Amino acid sequence: MSNQLTEKLSTPSSTSLFTLCVAPAKVLRGSKILAQATDAIATLGTRPLIVGGNALRQAATGQSASALQLHLQPLLQHEQLHSTPSYYTPDCSEASLKSLHKAAKEHKADVIIGVGGGKALDTAKLLAHQLHLPVVTIPTSAATCAAWTALSNVYSNEGAFLYDVALERCPDLLVLDYDLVQTAPQHTLVAGIGDALAKWYEASVSSGHSEQTLIIAAVQQARVLRDILFQKSATAIQQLGSEAWREVVDATVLLAGVIGGLGGAQCRTVAAHAVHNGLTHVSKGSGSIHGEKVAYGILVQLRLEEMIQGNQLATAARQQLLKFYAEIGLPQKLNDLGLGNITLTQLQTAAEIALTPNSDIHRLPFKVSLEQLMAAMVSTTAPIEGNRIPISLTPSTEKVE
């Protein structure tokens, strides 16, 4: 990793409530709203660089008559906007950002527009942050709350999580077009549900005892978010485009972002996202996406609370989640993430990364050893009885059974 570029990317995170980045300056949401949003975009700049991935590339070049192409036509053809597309590849990485810097300079871009999933939006936000330009986020799925937040995750070219960057502000404009989001594969919504659920299980641990007003509000909103997802997710998945579906999309894209905005740096992720970060170093080609790994990470966190603390509430929560996961299709174990053939050496690598000194896993109210984390990672579906029986793992190249 380039130290020089890292210095440019890194932004000190303040825990002061006076520096909270609570929300985008403006949110437009509705059916076919993108066609109506072009005038609002034009107030931010007239030479947008549109940042996305392969789907945007195909839409912009006419390689396929995709839904994205149809939705983007008003934006691409707006008479006041002289836009050009550019692409992150293969990830929200330092190499991608360097290439996009060059593209923005050549185009003389005065506004950045991110179109796509979490990595496209993170890339666009971070690029705009570096160039001191306004940014518009247009999510094409409900897989994350990246369209809302003042945070970007940076990965290696191989897709391994490296670090996150706190941004100066939330996006200047968020455009949530339900018709566009509805064209996304169903598993992206399921993943978004998993990612959003983590808000409660992590925030309640990291910040549940806080007496600060906005932290209390954030934690309680996380509980409300969890309850909405429990109540409406199954119907939303079965009835795409329904009122329940829209409510769940709002929950995963918008309300999940509200919680991070209100809570700020003091309402952090804990073990679920730490486990996700570790898994990205061993899961290339597994096919699983961010929210699926996070959902599995919630089970790992609860398992740690059971094993180390003997926490019966964690036991009940894990059993409740296992039933819910089965109902909507979230992963319950490593095999469900496409990691059924993971070796103990690879498992140890993932656990070691999750336990690095600066990891948010250390916000748990107890210390976690490498062996304990590895044991939790292979026992997320364990029955209630015998939760505190130690599991011995000897790293090797043998497959985890």
Foldseek 3Di string as FASTA:
>chain_A
DDPVVVVLLADDFDQDLVQFQQWAQEEAEDALCLLVCLVVVVVQHAEEEEEEADVVVCLVVVVDPDPVVVSCVSNPPPPSHNYDYDYQPPFLAPVSLVVVLVVCVVSVHQEYEFEEALGSLLSRLSSCQSVVHAYEYEYQALQAQNLIAQKHWHAHNLQATDDMHGGSHTHNYYYYHLVSHLSDDLVSLVLLLLQLLQLQLFLCLQPVPPPDDLSVVLNVLSVVLNVLCLVQVLVLSVDPPDPSVVVSSCSSHPSSSSSCSSNPPSRDGAQLVLLLNLVSVPCRPLPDDRSLSSSLRSLLLLLLCCQVVVDVVSVVVLVVSVVVCVSNPRDQACVSSSCQFPALQSLLSSLVSSVPPPHRNVSGPDDDDSQSSSVSRHCSPPDSPPSNPRDDDDGDRHGDD
